Amino acid sequence: MNKLTKYTLLVVALLLLLGIAGRCDYNESVIYNMPDNVYQVMKVKLDNPSDSRLVDEYVNNRNHWDSIANEYQ
């Protein structure tokens, strides 16, 4: 393998790691700012989803989940 290929692979790996770290930070930020009752209801209704799935669902349907969580208060 030549030097250019090694450096290219290194750069790609670095960008991939930065993307994963950024997604984890984003998920943590959304979950931290989400009302606790919404988080609890989503965990039960979605059968214990991953953080990424939970965040995607909440961001795409925020009004729906907020209204459901208000019913369980």
PDB file of N, CA and C in Angstrom:
ATOM      1  N   MET A   1       0.844  -1.172   0.000  1.00  0.00           N
ATOM      2  CA  MET A   1       0.000   0.000   0.000  1.00  0.00           C
ATOM      3  C   MET A   1       0.897   1.245   0.000  1.00  0.00           C
ATOM      4  N   ASN A   2       0.596   2.164  -0.864  1.00  0.00           N
ATOM      5  CA  ASN A   2       1.440   3.357  -0.917  1.00  0.00           C
ATOM      6  C   ASN A   2       1.001   4.372   0.140  1.00  0.00           C
ATOM      7  N   LYS A   3       1.811   5.411   0.316  1.00  0.00           N
ATOM      8  CA  LYS A   3       1.561   6.412   1.360  1.00  0.00           C
ATOM      9  C   LYS A   3       0.233   7.143   1.163  1.00  0.00           C
ATOM     10  N   LEU A   4      -0.097   7.464  -0.079  1.00  0.00           N
ATOM     11  CA  LEU A   4      -1.335   8.190  -0.352  1.00  0.00           C
ATOM     12  C   LEU A   4      -2.547   7.371   0.082  1.00  0.00           C
ATOM     13  N   THR A   5      -2.525   6.090  -0.170  1.00  0.00           N
ATOM     14  CA  THR A   5      -3.634   5.225   0.230  1.00  0.00           C
ATOM     15  C   THR A   5      -3.734   5.137   1.747  1.00  0.00           C
ATOM     16  N   LYS A   6      -2.605   5.039   2.427  1.00  0.00           N
ATOM     17  CA  LYS A   6      -2.603   4.982   3.891  1.00  0.00           C
ATOM     18  C   LYS A   6      -3.180   6.271   4.480  1.00  0.00           C
ATOM     19  N   TYR A   7      -2.769   7.401   3.958  1.00  0.00           N
ATOM     20  CA  TYR A   7      -3.265   8.683   4.448  1.00  0.00           C
ATOM     21  C   TYR A   7      -4.753   8.852   4.138  1.00  0.00           C
ATOM     22  N   THR A   8      -5.158   8.393   2.990  1.00  0.00           N
ATOM     23  CA  THR A   8      -6.576   8.464   2.625  1.00  0.00           C
ATOM     24  C   THR A   8      -7.416   7.636   3.585  1.00  0.00           C
ATOM     25  N   LEU A   9      -6.956   6.426   3.886  1.00  0.00           N
ATOM     26  CA  LEU A   9      -7.678   5.577   4.835  1.00  0.00           C
ATOM     27  C   LEU A   9      -7.703   6.191   6.224  1.00  0.00           C
ATOM     28  N   LEU A  10      -6.612   6.804   6.621  1.00  0.00           N
ATOM     29  CA  LEU A  10      -6.544   7.468   7.917  1.00  0.00           C
ATOM     30  C   LEU A  10      -7.530   8.631   7.997  1.00  0.00           C
ATOM     31  N   VAL A  11      -7.599   9.423   6.959  1.00  0.00           N
ATOM     32  CA  VAL A  11      -8.524  10.563   6.923  1.00  0.00           C
ATOM     33  C   VAL A  11      -9.976  10.076   6.944  1.00  0.00           C
ATOM     34  N   VAL A  12     -10.273   9.037   6.184  1.00  0.00           N
ATOM     35  CA  VAL A  12     -11.638   8.486   6.156  1.00  0.00           C
ATOM     36  C   VAL A  12     -12.009   7.955   7.531  1.00  0.00           C
ATOM     37  N   ALA A  13     -11.099   7.239   8.179  1.00  0.00           N
ATOM     38  CA  ALA A  13     -11.361   6.702   9.517  1.00  0.00           C
ATOM     39  C   ALA A  13     -11.584   7.827  10.518  1.00  0.00           C
ATOM     40  N   LEU A  14     -10.786   8.873  10.427  1.00  0.00           N
ATOM     41  CA  LEU A  14     -10.935  10.017  11.321  1.00  0.00           C
ATOM     42  C   LEU A  14     -12.281  10.702  11.126  1.00  0.00           C
ATOM     43  N   LEU A  15     -12.679  10.903   9.886  1.00  0.00           N
ATOM     44  CA  LEU A  15     -13.976  11.527   9.610  1.00  0.00           C
ATOM     45  C   LEU A  15     -15.130  10.654  10.104  1.00  0.00           C
ATOM     46  N   LEU A  16     -15.005   9.362   9.954  1.00  0.00           N
ATOM     47  CA  LEU A  16     -16.022   8.442  10.436  1.00  0.00           C
ATOM     48  C   LEU A  16     -16.153   8.517  11.957  1.00  0.00           C
ATOM     49  N   LEU A  17     -15.034   8.533  12.648  1.00  0.00           N
ATOM     50  CA  LEU A  17     -15.055   8.638  14.108  1.00  0.00           C
ATOM     51  C   LEU A  17     -15.640   9.970  14.571  1.00  0.00           C
ATOM     52  N   LEU A  18     -15.298  11.043  13.884  1.00  0.00           N
ATOM     53  CA  LEU A  18     -15.863  12.348  14.237  1.00  0.00           C
ATOM     54  C   LEU A  18     -17.371  12.377  13.996  1.00  0.00           C
ATOM     55  N   GLY A  19     -17.826  11.731  12.942  1.00  0.00           N
ATOM     56  CA  GLY A  19     -19.259  11.656  12.672  1.00  0.00           C
ATOM     57  C   GLY A  19     -19.993  10.873  13.741  1.00  0.00           C
ATOM     58  N   ILE A  20     -19.422   9.770  14.168  1.00  0.00           N
ATOM     59  CA  ILE A  20     -20.045   8.961  15.227  1.00  0.00           C
ATOM     60  C   ILE A  20     -20.078   9.737  16.534  1.00  0.00           C
ATOM     61  N   ALA A  21     -18.981  10.394  16.861  1.00  0.00           N
ATOM     62  CA  ALA A  21     -18.930  11.184  18.098  1.00  0.00           C
ATOM     63  C   ALA A  21     -19.938  12.331  18.052  1.00  0.00           C
ATOM     64  N   GLY A  22     -20.071  12.959  16.905  1.00  0.00           N
ATOM     65  CA  GLY A  22     -21.038  14.050  16.765  1.00  0.00           C
ATOM     66  C   GLY A  22     -22.459  13.563  16.930  1.00  0.00           C
ATOM     67  N   ARG A  23     -22.768  12.405  16.373  1.00  0.00           N
ATOM     68  CA  ARG A  23     -24.119  11.848  16.507  1.00  0.00           C
ATOM     69  C   ARG A  23     -24.410  11.500  17.969  1.00  0.00           C
ATOM     70  N   CYS A  24     -23.436  10.946  18.667  1.00  0.00           N
ATOM     71  CA  CYS A  24     -23.618  10.622  20.087  1.00  0.00           C
ATOM     72  C   CYS A  24     -23.869  11.891  20.901  1.00  0.00           C
ATOM     73  N   ASP A  25     -23.118  12.942  20.627  1.00  0.00           N
ATOM     74  CA  ASP A  25     -23.321  14.214  21.331  1.00  0.00           C
ATOM     75  C   ASP A  25     -24.708  14.784  21.036  1.00  0.00           C
ATOM     76  N   TYR A  26     -25.137  14.695  19.790  1.00  0.00           N
ATOM     77  CA  TYR A  26     -26.463  15.182  19.409  1.00  0.00           C
ATOM     78  C   TYR A  26     -27.548  14.403  20.142  1.00  0.00           C
ATOM     79  N   ASN A  27     -27.419  13.078  20.162  1.00  0.00           N
ATOM     80  CA  ASN A  27     -28.412  12.251  20.857  1.00  0.00           C
ATOM     81  C   ASN A  27     -28.480  12.615  22.337  1.00  0.00           C
ATOM     82  N   GLU A  28     -27.330  12.753  22.977  1.00  0.00           N
ATOM     83  CA  GLU A  28     -27.301  13.103  24.391  1.00  0.00           C
ATOM     84  C   GLU A  28     -27.944  14.462  24.642  1.00  0.00           C
ATOM     85  N   SER A  29     -27.694  15.406  23.765  1.00  0.00           N
ATOM     86  CA  SER A  29     -28.257  16.744  23.918  1.00  0.00           C
ATOM     87  C   SER A  29     -29.783  16.728  23.809  1.00  0.00           C
ATOM     88  N   VAL A  30     -30.302  16.019  22.819  1.00  0.00           N
ATOM     89  CA  VAL A  30     -31.756  15.941  22.643  1.00  0.00           C
ATOM     90  C   VAL A  30     -32.400  15.232  23.827  1.00  0.00           C
ATOM     91  N   ILE A  31     -31.827  14.120  24.258  1.00  0.00           N
ATOM     92  CA  ILE A  31     -32.396  13.366  25.382  1.00  0.00           C
ATOM     93  C   ILE A  31     -32.315  14.185  26.661  1.00  0.00           C
ATOM     94  N   TYR A  32     -31.220  14.897  26.876  1.00  0.00           N
ATOM     95  CA  TYR A  32     -31.069  15.717  28.073  1.00  0.00           C
ATOM     96  C   TYR A  32     -32.128  16.816  28.133  1.00  0.00           C
ATOM     97  N   ASN A  33     -32.460  17.396  26.986  1.00  0.00           N
ATOM     98  CA  ASN A  33     -33.428  18.494  26.947  1.00  0.00           C
ATOM     99  C   ASN A  33     -34.872  18.024  26.788  1.00  0.00           C
ATOM    100  N   MET A  34     -35.081  16.745  26.624  1.00  0.00           N
ATOM    101  CA  MET A  34     -36.415  16.168  26.489  1.00  0.00           C
ATOM    102  C   MET A  34     -37.046  16.065  27.887  1.00  0.00           C
ATOM    103  N   PRO A  35     -38.334  16.400  28.007  1.00  0.00           N
ATOM    104  CA  PRO A  35     -38.984  16.219  29.308  1.00  0.00           C
ATOM    105  C   PRO A  35     -38.908  14.759  29.760  1.00  0.00           C
ATOM    106  N   ASP A  36     -38.714  14.560  31.057  1.00  0.00           N
ATOM    107  CA  ASP A  36     -38.518  13.218  31.581  1.00  0.00           C
ATOM    108  C   ASP A  36     -39.713  12.304  31.322  1.00  0.00           C
ATOM    109  N   ASN A  37     -40.927  12.854  31.460  1.00  0.00           N
ATOM    110  CA  ASN A  37     -42.103  12.005  31.222  1.00  0.00           C
ATOM    111  C   ASN A  37     -42.194  11.572  29.758  1.00  0.00           C
ATOM    112  N   VAL A  38     -41.763  12.405  28.836  1.00  0.00           N
ATOM    113  CA  VAL A  38     -41.744  12.039  27.411  1.00  0.00           C
ATOM    114  C   VAL A  38     -40.744  10.901  27.196  1.00  0.00           C
ATOM    115  N   TYR A  39     -39.573  11.019  27.798  1.00  0.00           N
ATOM    116  CA  TYR A  39     -38.554   9.976  27.673  1.00  0.00           C
ATOM    117  C   TYR A  39     -39.072   8.636  28.197  1.00  0.00           C
ATOM    118  N   GLN A  40     -39.709   8.654  29.366  1.00  0.00           N
ATOM    119  CA  GLN A  40     -40.211   7.420  29.969  1.00  0.00           C
ATOM    120  C   GLN A  40     -41.298   6.781  29.107  1.00  0.00           C
ATOM    121  N   VAL A  41     -42.215   7.586  28.606  1.00  0.00           N
ATOM    122  CA  VAL A  41     -43.295   7.054  27.761  1.00  0.00           C
ATOM    123  C   VAL A  41     -42.733   6.482  26.467  1.00  0.00           C
ATOM    124  N   MET A  42     -41.787   7.175  25.863  1.00  0.00           N
ATOM    125  CA  MET A  42     -41.203   6.691  24.609  1.00  0.00           C
ATOM    126  C   MET A  42     -40.461   5.377  24.816  1.00  0.00           C
ATOM    127  N   LYS A  43     -39.734   5.242  25.910  1.00  0.00           N
ATOM    128  CA  LYS A  43     -39.007   4.004  26.179  1.00  0.00           C
ATOM    129  C   LYS A  43     -39.966   2.819  26.282  1.00  0.00           C
ATOM    130  N   VAL A  44     -41.121   3.050  26.910  1.00  0.00           N
ATOM    131  CA  VAL A  44     -42.093   1.965  27.068  1.00  0.00           C
ATOM    132  C   VAL A  44     -42.810   1.685  25.751  1.00  0.00           C
ATOM    133  N   LYS A  45     -43.330   2.726  25.109  1.00  0.00           N
ATOM    134  CA  LYS A  45     -44.120   2.545  23.891  1.00  0.00           C
ATOM    135  C   LYS A  45     -43.297   2.003  22.724  1.00  0.00           C
ATOM    136  N   LEU A  46     -42.033   2.380  22.639  1.00  0.00           N
ATOM    137  CA  LEU A  46     -41.188   1.930  21.528  1.00  0.00           C
ATOM    138  C   LEU A  46     -40.387   0.684  21.889  1.00  0.00           C
ATOM    139  N   ASP A  47     -40.673   0.085  23.032  1.00  0.00           N
ATOM    140  CA  ASP A  47     -40.031  -1.162  23.478  1.00  0.00           C
ATOM    141  C   ASP A  47     -38.514  -1.012  23.598  1.00  0.00           C
ATOM    142  N   ASN A  48     -38.121  -0.038  24.419  1.00  0.00           N
ATOM    143  CA  ASN A  48     -36.710   0.196  24.744  1.00  0.00           C
ATOM    144  C   ASN A  48     -35.822   0.390  23.509  1.00  0.00           C
ATOM    145  N   PRO A  49     -36.059   1.460  22.746  1.00  0.00           N
ATOM    146  CA  PRO A  49     -35.282   1.691  21.518  1.00  0.00           C
ATOM    147  C   PRO A  49     -33.867   2.186  21.822  1.00  0.00           C
ATOM    148  N   SER A  50     -33.026   2.163  20.811  1.00  0.00           N
ATOM    149  CA  SER A  50     -31.689   2.751  20.946  1.00  0.00           C
ATOM    150  C   SER A  50     -31.838   4.268  21.063  1.00  0.00           C
ATOM    151  N   ASP A  51     -30.800   4.916  21.540  1.00  0.00           N
ATOM    152  CA  ASP A  51     -30.839   6.369  21.669  1.00  0.00           C
ATOM    153  C   ASP A  51     -31.074   7.042  20.319  1.00  0.00           C
ATOM    154  N   SER A  52     -30.428   6.548  19.275  1.00  0.00           N
ATOM    155  CA  SER A  52     -30.591   7.149  17.945  1.00  0.00           C
ATOM    156  C   SER A  52     -32.024   7.033  17.453  1.00  0.00           C
ATOM    157  N   ARG A  53     -32.623   5.871  17.626  1.00  0.00           N
ATOM    158  CA  ARG A  53     -34.009   5.675  17.186  1.00  0.00           C
ATOM    159  C   ARG A  53     -34.958   6.541  18.004  1.00  0.00           C
ATOM    160  N   LEU A  54     -34.720   6.617  19.305  1.00  0.00           N
ATOM    161  CA  LEU A  54     -35.558   7.429  20.174  1.00  0.00           C
ATOM    162  C   LEU A  54     -35.481   8.901  19.771  1.00  0.00           C
ATOM    163  N   VAL A  55     -34.279   9.393  19.533  1.00  0.00           N
ATOM    164  CA  VAL A  55     -34.094  10.799  19.153  1.00  0.00           C
ATOM    165  C   VAL A  55     -34.729  11.079  17.796  1.00  0.00           C
ATOM    166  N   ASP A  56     -34.522  10.200  16.831  1.00  0.00           N
ATOM    167  CA  ASP A  56     -35.122  10.398  15.509  1.00  0.00           C
ATOM    168  C   ASP A  56     -36.645  10.446  15.605  1.00  0.00           C
ATOM    169  N   GLU A  57     -37.216   9.532  16.361  1.00  0.00           N
ATOM    170  CA  GLU A  57     -38.678   9.492  16.526  1.00  0.00           C
ATOM    171  C   GLU A  57     -39.174  10.757  17.216  1.00  0.00           C
ATOM    172  N   TYR A  58     -38.487  11.180  18.259  1.00  0.00           N
ATOM    173  CA  TYR A  58     -38.917  12.371  18.999  1.00  0.00           C
ATOM    174  C   TYR A  58     -38.818  13.634  18.141  1.00  0.00           C
ATOM    175  N   VAL A  59     -37.716  13.793  17.433  1.00  0.00           N
ATOM    176  CA  VAL A  59     -37.528  14.999  16.611  1.00  0.00           C
ATOM    177  C   VAL A  59     -38.564  15.044  15.483  1.00  0.00           C
ATOM    178  N   ASN A  60     -38.870  13.898  14.892  1.00  0.00           N
ATOM    179  CA  ASN A  60     -39.827  13.858  13.783  1.00  0.00           C
ATOM    180  C   ASN A  60     -41.277  13.990  14.229  1.00  0.00           C
ATOM    181  N   ASN A  61     -41.586  13.616  15.470  1.00  0.00           N
ATOM    182  CA  ASN A  61     -42.973  13.620  15.958  1.00  0.00           C
ATOM    183  C   ASN A  61     -43.080  14.240  17.348  1.00  0.00           C
ATOM    184  N   ARG A  62     -42.422  15.360  17.543  1.00  0.00           N
ATOM    185  CA  ARG A  62     -42.349  15.984  18.866  1.00  0.00           C
ATOM    186  C   ARG A  62     -43.733  16.301  19.447  1.00  0.00           C
ATOM    187  N   ASN A  63     -44.618  16.887  18.663  1.00  0.00           N
ATOM    188  CA  ASN A  63     -45.939  17.243  19.180  1.00  0.00           C
ATOM    189  C   ASN A  63     -46.723  16.006  19.620  1.00  0.00           C
ATOM    190  N   HIS A  64     -46.622  14.950  18.849  1.00  0.00           N
ATOM    191  CA  HIS A  64     -47.311  13.704  19.186  1.00  0.00           C
ATOM    192  C   HIS A  64     -46.834  13.160  20.530  1.00  0.00           C
ATOM    193  N   TRP A  65     -45.520  13.063  20.708  1.00  0.00           N
ATOM    194  CA  TRP A  65     -44.984  12.490  21.941  1.00  0.00           C
ATOM    195  C   TRP A  65     -45.222  13.402  23.143  1.00  0.00           C
ATOM    196  N   ASP A  66     -45.163  14.697  22.939  1.00  0.00           N
ATOM    197  CA  ASP A  66     -45.448  15.612  24.043  1.00  0.00           C
ATOM    198  C   ASP A  66     -46.902  15.479  24.496  1.00  0.00           C
ATOM    199  N   SER A  67     -47.823  15.327  23.550  1.00  0.00           N
ATOM    200  CA  SER A  67     -49.236  15.197  23.917  1.00  0.00           C
ATOM    201  C   SER A  67     -49.505  13.862  24.614  1.00  0.00           C
ATOM    202  N   ILE A  68     -48.888  12.783  24.169  1.00  0.00           N
ATOM    203  CA  ILE A  68     -49.069  11.488  24.824  1.00  0.00           C
ATOM    204  C   ILE A  68     -48.501  11.515  26.230  1.00  0.00           C
ATOM    205  N   ALA A  69     -47.335  12.094  26.384  1.00  0.00           N
ATOM    206  CA  ALA A  69     -46.696  12.147  27.708  1.00  0.00           C
ATOM    207  C   ALA A  69     -47.522  12.983  28.676  1.00  0.00           C
ATOM    208  N   ASN A  70     -48.200  14.015  28.187  1.00  0.00           N
ATOM    209  CA  ASN A  70     -49.040  14.841  29.060  1.00  0.00           C
ATOM    210  C   ASN A  70     -50.222  14.041  29.597  1.00  0.00           C
ATOM    211  N   GLU A  71     -50.679  13.044  28.850  1.00  0.00           N
ATOM    212  CA  GLU A  71     -51.785  12.193  29.312  1.00  0.00           C
ATOM    213  C   GLU A  71     -51.358  11.308  30.467  1.00  0.00           C
ATOM    214  N   TYR A  72     -50.083  10.979  30.578  1.00  0.00           N
ATOM    215  CA  TYR A  72     -49.587  10.075  31.599  1.00  0.00           C
ATOM    216  C   TYR A  72     -49.049  10.792  32.825  1.00  0.00           C
ATOM    217  N   GLN A  73     -49.223  12.078  32.924  1.00  0.00           N
ATOM    218  CA  GLN A  73     -48.705  12.813  34.082  1.00  0.00           C
ATOM    219  C   GLN A  73     -49.548  12.578  35.297  1.00  0.00           C
TER     220      GLN A  73
END
